[in-house]
Amino acid sequence: MSMVGDAFNALRQVILMQSRLDQLDGRISRMAGDIDGLTDALSTLRDRISRLEGVIEGAVMATRQRRIED
């Protein structure tokens, strides 16, 4: 190949790599958004589980009190 042909191939490779990097940047941005959504969902789930644990503990305590009174 000629020197000009090599230069065009090198330039083509750089342009393709830039395109791939742009696509990767978009994917990373979407993944960051997904992770933020998962973080929010996890926080909500943790709060709900804590409330359920409180209800269960309250029921257990009420059951124990009834047994002591009987």
Protein backbone atom coordinates (compact mmCIF):
# COMPACT_ATOMS: atom_id res chain seq x y z
CA MET A 1 0.00 0.00 0.00
CA SER A 2 1.02 3.49 -0.54
CA MET A 3 1.75 5.92 2.21
CA VAL A 4 -1.47 7.81 1.45
CA GLY A 5 -3.47 4.58 1.65
CA ASP A 6 -1.92 3.78 5.03
CA ALA A 7 -2.73 7.27 6.28
CA PHE A 8 -6.37 6.91 5.16
CA ASN A 9 -6.64 3.50 6.84
CA ALA A 10 -5.20 4.93 10.06
CA LEU A 11 -7.63 7.84 9.92
CA ARG A 12 -10.51 5.45 9.26
CA GLN A 13 -9.51 3.36 12.29
CA VAL A 14 -9.39 6.46 14.49
CA ILE A 15 -12.86 7.51 13.34
CA LEU A 16 -14.24 4.00 14.00
CA MET A 17 -12.66 3.96 17.44
CA GLN A 18 -14.17 7.37 18.22
CA SER A 19 -17.57 6.10 17.16
CA ARG A 20 -17.21 3.06 19.40
CA LEU A 21 -16.11 5.25 22.31
CA ASP A 22 -19.18 7.45 21.81
CA GLN A 23 -21.41 4.36 21.89
CA LEU A 24 -19.65 3.14 25.01
CA ASP A 25 -20.15 6.53 26.66
CA GLY A 26 -23.87 6.30 25.94
CA ARG A 27 -24.05 2.80 27.41
CA ILE A 28 -22.21 3.89 30.54
CA SER A 29 -24.60 6.83 30.97
CA ARG A 30 -27.61 4.50 30.68
CA MET A 31 -26.04 2.08 33.15
CA ALA A 32 -25.45 4.92 35.62
CA GLY A 33 -29.14 5.80 35.34
CA ASP A 34 -30.08 2.17 35.90
CA ILE A 35 -27.88 2.00 38.99
CA ASP A 36 -29.51 5.15 40.37
CA GLY A 37 -32.91 3.54 39.85
CA LEU A 38 -31.75 0.36 41.57
CA THR A 39 -30.43 2.39 44.50
CA ASP A 40 -33.80 4.08 44.92
CA ALA A 41 -35.63 0.77 44.67
CA LEU A 42 -33.32 -0.81 47.23
CA SER A 43 -33.89 2.05 49.65
CA THR A 44 -37.66 1.72 49.27
CA LEU A 45 -37.47 -2.03 49.74
CA ARG A 46 -35.32 -1.65 52.85
CA ASP A 47 -37.88 0.75 54.35
CA ARG A 48 -40.75 -1.63 53.61
CA ILE A 49 -38.90 -4.58 55.14
CA SER A 50 -38.13 -2.52 58.24
CA ARG A 51 -41.83 -1.72 58.65
CA LEU A 52 -42.75 -5.39 58.23
CA GLU A 53 -40.16 -6.38 60.81
CA GLY A 54 -41.70 -3.86 63.20
CA VAL A 55 -45.16 -5.29 62.66
CA ILE A 56 -43.91 -8.84 63.20
CA GLU A 57 -42.00 -7.89 66.35
CA GLY A 58 -45.08 -6.10 67.68
CA ALA A 59 -47.22 -9.16 67.05
CA VAL A 60 -44.70 -11.39 68.80
CA MET A 61 -44.60 -9.08 71.81
CA ALA A 62 -48.41 -8.97 71.97
CA THR A 63 -48.56 -12.76 71.81
CA ARG A 64 -46.03 -13.07 74.64
CA GLN A 65 -48.01 -10.63 76.80
CA ARG A 66 -51.21 -12.60 76.26
CA ARG A 67 -49.47 -15.81 77.31
CA ILE A 68 -48.16 -14.17 80.48
CA GLU A 69 -51.62 -12.79 81.34
CA ASP A 70 -53.35 -16.16 80.79
